[in-house]
């Protein structure tokens, strides 16, 4: 039997990346937020335990960049420790300040606490001239009273 021992190559860890400094490069628009869990807690490193909507139903987080950006990686972390639900989110980007959008992806995920409580998505992209990045979340596609939440959003 032929055998080769290879060195373990770890996946990029979010803390090891050169993430964009969103507080310096963009303003954020959010459809709602719980006072104790503001959107900055999901967008900025070491700012807390993430964002949560103030009300049930579909929510939108939009990053409006001061100058066009090139995006190569989008890192998202969602968590739900309380209620079983199927969430759908859509990522879109705009090259023209939000006049038009192109869909990057649409994803559904079922949370089933206590076993399945966390969704981590790591997307490699090559988007040039991004002026707006929009994340839309439907927290429960069955129409329940769940509130959208986002633990982390990082861009590189």
Protein backbone atom coordinates (compact mmCIF):
# COMPACT_ATOMS: atom_id res chain seq x y z
CA UNK A 1 0.00 0.00 0.00
CA UNK A 2 1.30 3.42 -0.91
CA UNK A 3 1.00 6.00 1.79
CA UNK A 4 1.68 9.70 2.03
CA UNK A 5 1.40 11.77 5.17
CA UNK A 6 0.35 15.29 4.34
CA UNK A 7 0.35 18.32 6.53
CA UNK A 8 -3.05 19.41 7.76
CA UNK A 9 -4.13 22.61 6.05
CA UNK A 10 -6.71 24.44 8.08
CA UNK A 11 -9.53 26.34 6.43
CA UNK A 12 -9.31 30.09 6.74
CA UNK A 13 -10.48 31.05 10.17
CA UNK A 14 -12.41 34.31 10.25
CA UNK A 15 -10.05 35.74 12.85
CA UNK A 16 -7.08 35.02 10.56
CA UNK A 17 -8.39 37.01 7.59
CA UNK A 18 -7.88 40.60 6.60
CA UNK A 19 -11.53 41.53 6.87
CA UNK A 20 -12.80 44.83 5.55
CA UNK A 21 -13.16 47.52 8.20
CA UNK A 22 -16.84 48.10 7.64
CA UNK A 23 -17.09 50.92 10.18
CA UNK A 24 -14.66 52.90 8.02
CA UNK A 25 -15.90 51.86 4.55
CA UNK A 26 -19.69 51.76 4.72
CA UNK A 27 -22.87 52.84 6.39
CA UNK A 28 -25.45 50.26 7.39
CA UNK A 29 -29.21 50.33 6.92
CA UNK A 30 -31.29 47.86 8.92
CA UNK A 31 -35.03 47.26 8.89
CA UNK A 32 -35.19 46.85 12.69
CA UNK A 33 -33.03 45.92 15.64
CA UNK A 34 -33.45 44.91 19.24
CA UNK A 35 -31.88 47.59 21.43
CA UNK A 36 -29.66 45.10 23.29
CA UNK A 37 -28.52 43.40 20.04
CA UNK A 38 -27.72 46.15 17.50
CA UNK A 39 -26.49 45.43 13.99
CA UNK A 40 -22.98 46.64 14.84
CA UNK A 41 -22.61 43.60 17.10
CA UNK A 42 -22.76 41.35 14.01
CA UNK A 43 -20.67 43.53 11.69
CA UNK A 44 -17.76 44.62 13.87
CA UNK A 45 -15.25 42.30 15.55
CA UNK A 46 -15.45 41.99 19.33
CA UNK A 47 -18.67 44.00 19.57
CA UNK A 48 -21.00 41.48 21.17
CA UNK A 49 -23.14 38.51 20.39
CA UNK A 50 -24.73 39.61 17.14
CA UNK A 51 -27.85 41.32 15.83
CA UNK A 52 -31.49 40.49 16.35
CA UNK A 53 -34.56 42.08 14.77
CA UNK A 54 -37.00 43.94 16.99
CA UNK A 55 -39.98 42.33 15.30
CA UNK A 56 -40.94 39.08 13.58
CA UNK A 57 -40.92 38.68 9.82
CA UNK A 58 -38.61 39.43 6.93
CA UNK A 59 -35.70 41.78 7.63
CA UNK A 60 -32.98 43.45 5.60
CA UNK A 61 -29.43 44.53 6.38
CA UNK A 62 -27.87 46.71 3.71
CA UNK A 63 -24.24 47.86 3.57
CA UNK A 64 -23.81 51.00 1.47
CA UNK A 65 -20.15 51.52 0.63
CA UNK A 66 -18.59 54.98 0.41
CA UNK A 67 -16.55 53.82 -2.59
CA UNK A 68 -16.93 50.69 -4.79
CA UNK A 69 -15.37 47.58 -3.23
CA UNK A 70 -14.00 44.31 -4.54
CA UNK A 71 -15.33 41.37 -2.51
CA UNK A 72 -13.65 37.97 -2.51
CA UNK A 73 -15.16 36.33 0.58
CA UNK A 74 -18.43 36.58 2.49
CA UNK A 75 -18.59 34.91 5.92
CA UNK A 76 -21.97 34.54 7.63
CA UNK A 77 -22.89 32.96 10.96
CA UNK A 78 -26.49 32.45 12.07
CA UNK A 79 -27.62 30.84 15.31
CA UNK A 80 -30.90 29.73 16.86
CA UNK A 81 -30.92 27.92 20.20
CA UNK A 82 -34.61 28.16 21.05
CA UNK A 83 -37.01 27.32 18.23
CA UNK A 84 -37.08 24.87 15.33
CA UNK A 85 -37.54 26.81 12.11
CA UNK A 86 -36.46 26.97 8.48
CA UNK A 87 -34.84 30.24 7.54
CA UNK A 88 -34.15 31.60 4.08
CA UNK A 89 -31.67 34.32 3.29
CA UNK A 90 -30.74 36.07 0.07
CA UNK A 91 -27.51 37.93 -0.65
CA UNK A 92 -27.57 40.57 -3.40
CA UNK A 93 -25.13 43.17 -4.61
CA UNK A 94 -25.42 46.35 -6.57
CA UNK A 95 -22.83 48.06 -8.78
CA UNK A 96 -24.89 51.25 -9.11
CA UNK A 97 -25.79 52.46 -5.62
CA UNK A 98 -28.87 50.25 -5.33
CA UNK A 99 -30.60 51.12 -8.61
CA UNK A 100 -30.28 47.46 -9.64
CA UNK A 101 -29.29 44.27 -7.80
CA UNK A 102 -27.76 40.96 -8.80
CA UNK A 103 -28.46 37.91 -6.66
CA UNK A 104 -25.38 36.16 -5.30
CA UNK A 105 -27.25 33.29 -3.65
CA UNK A 106 -30.42 32.14 -1.96
CA UNK A 107 -30.07 29.61 0.87
CA UNK A 108 -32.43 27.78 3.22
CA UNK A 109 -31.37 26.25 6.52
CA UNK A 110 -33.35 24.37 9.16
CA UNK A 111 -32.49 24.98 12.79
CA UNK A 112 -33.42 22.06 15.06
CA UNK A 113 -32.33 22.84 18.63
CA UNK A 114 -30.64 21.45 20.58
CA UNK A 115 -28.68 19.56 17.89
CA UNK A 116 -28.61 21.97 14.94
CA UNK A 117 -28.31 25.49 16.28
CA UNK A 118 -25.65 27.14 14.13
CA UNK A 119 -25.23 27.81 10.42
CA UNK A 120 -21.84 28.94 9.12
CA UNK A 121 -21.56 29.97 5.49
CA UNK A 122 -18.25 30.82 3.81
CA UNK A 123 -18.60 31.99 0.22
CA UNK A 124 -15.74 32.69 -2.16
CA UNK A 125 -16.79 35.32 -4.67
CA UNK A 126 -15.19 37.68 -7.15
CA UNK A 127 -17.33 40.80 -7.21
CA UNK A 128 -15.84 44.06 -8.47
CA UNK A 129 -17.39 47.48 -8.02
CA UNK A 130 -19.76 46.60 -5.18
CA UNK A 131 -21.53 49.73 -3.97
CA UNK A 132 -24.28 47.99 -1.95
CA UNK A 133 -24.44 44.54 -0.35
CA UNK A 134 -27.86 43.44 0.85
CA UNK A 135 -28.77 40.54 3.12
CA UNK A 136 -32.48 39.72 3.32
CA UNK A 137 -33.63 37.19 5.92
CA UNK A 138 -36.96 35.41 6.22
CA UNK A 139 -36.53 33.87 9.68
CA UNK A 140 -39.32 31.30 9.30
CA UNK A 141 -40.55 30.39 5.82
CA UNK A 142 -43.70 28.86 7.34
CA UNK A 143 -44.70 32.36 8.47
CA UNK A 144 -44.14 31.87 12.19
CA UNK A 145 -43.33 34.59 14.69
CA UNK A 146 -39.55 34.06 14.68
CA UNK A 147 -37.27 37.08 14.66
CA UNK A 148 -34.31 37.26 12.32
CA UNK A 149 -30.84 37.23 13.80
CA UNK A 150 -27.26 37.29 12.60
CA UNK A 151 -24.27 36.41 14.73
CA UNK A 152 -21.55 37.55 12.29
CA UNK A 153 -21.07 39.04 8.85
CA UNK A 154 -17.49 39.52 7.62
CA UNK A 155 -16.26 40.57 4.20
CA UNK A 156 -12.85 40.30 2.57
